[in-house]
Amino acid sequence: MGPTESIIAIAVLAFIQILVHLVFFLHMNMSSSQRWNVVAFRGSP
């Protein structure tokens, strides 16, 4: 695997890790009780 493929793989895995943290540790999902947290995280309604 070359350096370009390694950087792409690391970036993809980092993005997946961010999603896992948001869903499983911060409990951010699209349920009605969490919707405002998701809107605030996005930055704009």
C-alpha atoms as a PDB file:
ATOM      1  CA  MET A   1       0.000   0.000   0.000  1.00  0.00           C
ATOM      2  CA  GLY A   2       1.419   3.342  -1.036  1.00  0.00           C
ATOM      3  CA  PRO A   3       1.449   6.556   0.948  1.00  0.00           C
ATOM      4  CA  THR A   4      -1.629   7.966  -0.802  1.00  0.00           C
ATOM      5  CA  GLU A   5      -3.700   4.879  -0.079  1.00  0.00           C
ATOM      6  CA  SER A   6      -2.530   4.921   3.537  1.00  0.00           C
ATOM      7  CA  ILE A   7      -3.617   8.531   4.015  1.00  0.00           C
ATOM      8  CA  ILE A   8      -7.018   7.814   2.462  1.00  0.00           C
ATOM      9  CA  ALA A   9      -7.484   4.735   4.658  1.00  0.00           C
ATOM     10  CA  ILE A  10      -6.561   6.685   7.804  1.00  0.00           C
ATOM     11  CA  ALA A  11      -8.955   9.507   6.867  1.00  0.00           C
ATOM     12  CA  VAL A  12     -11.823   7.077   6.259  1.00  0.00           C
ATOM     13  CA  LEU A  13     -11.187   5.250   9.530  1.00  0.00           C
ATOM     14  CA  ALA A  14     -10.975   8.563  11.405  1.00  0.00           C
ATOM     15  CA  PHE A  15     -14.351   9.625   9.993  1.00  0.00           C
ATOM     16  CA  ILE A  16     -15.889   6.297  11.023  1.00  0.00           C
ATOM     17  CA  GLN A  17     -14.430   6.721  14.514  1.00  0.00           C
ATOM     18  CA  ILE A  18     -16.010  10.186  14.803  1.00  0.00           C
ATOM     19  CA  LEU A  19     -19.406   8.738  13.864  1.00  0.00           C
ATOM     20  CA  VAL A  20     -19.015   5.917  16.400  1.00  0.00           C
ATOM     21  CA  HIS A  21     -18.171   8.417  19.144  1.00  0.00           C
ATOM     22  CA  LEU A  22     -21.153  10.608  18.282  1.00  0.00           C
ATOM     23  CA  VAL A  23     -23.620   7.733  18.279  1.00  0.00           C
ATOM     24  CA  PHE A  24     -22.369   5.418  21.021  1.00  0.00           C
ATOM     25  CA  PHE A  25     -20.662   7.775  23.482  1.00  0.00           C
ATOM     26  CA  LEU A  26     -22.570  11.041  23.043  1.00  0.00           C
ATOM     27  CA  HIS A  27     -25.824   9.200  22.215  1.00  0.00           C
ATOM     28  CA  MET A  28     -26.601  11.525  19.322  1.00  0.00           C
ATOM     29  CA  ASN A  29     -29.269  10.009  17.119  1.00  0.00           C
ATOM     30  CA  MET A  30     -32.318  11.228  15.239  1.00  0.00           C
ATOM     31  CA  SER A  31     -34.876  10.465  17.943  1.00  0.00           C
ATOM     32  CA  SER A  32     -37.191  13.308  18.836  1.00  0.00           C
ATOM     33  CA  SER A  33     -35.502  13.923  22.198  1.00  0.00           C
ATOM     34  CA  GLN A  34     -32.065  14.223  20.589  1.00  0.00           C
ATOM     35  CA  ARG A  35     -32.991  16.207  17.485  1.00  0.00           C
ATOM     36  CA  TRP A  36     -31.946  19.606  18.934  1.00  0.00           C
ATOM     37  CA  ASN A  37     -28.550  18.189  19.909  1.00  0.00           C
ATOM     38  CA  VAL A  38     -28.015  17.092  16.320  1.00  0.00           C
ATOM     39  CA  VAL A  39     -29.136  20.503  15.008  1.00  0.00           C
ATOM     40  CA  ALA A  40     -26.784  22.279  17.414  1.00  0.00           C
ATOM     41  CA  PHE A  41     -23.915  20.009  16.378  1.00  0.00           C
ATOM     42  CA  ARG A  42     -24.524  20.779  12.706  1.00  0.00           C
ATOM     43  CA  GLY A  43     -24.287  24.477  13.437  1.00  0.00           C
ATOM     44  CA  SER A  44     -27.437  25.743  11.753  1.00  0.00           C
ATOM     45  CA  PRO A  45     -31.065  24.622  11.659  1.00  0.00           C
END
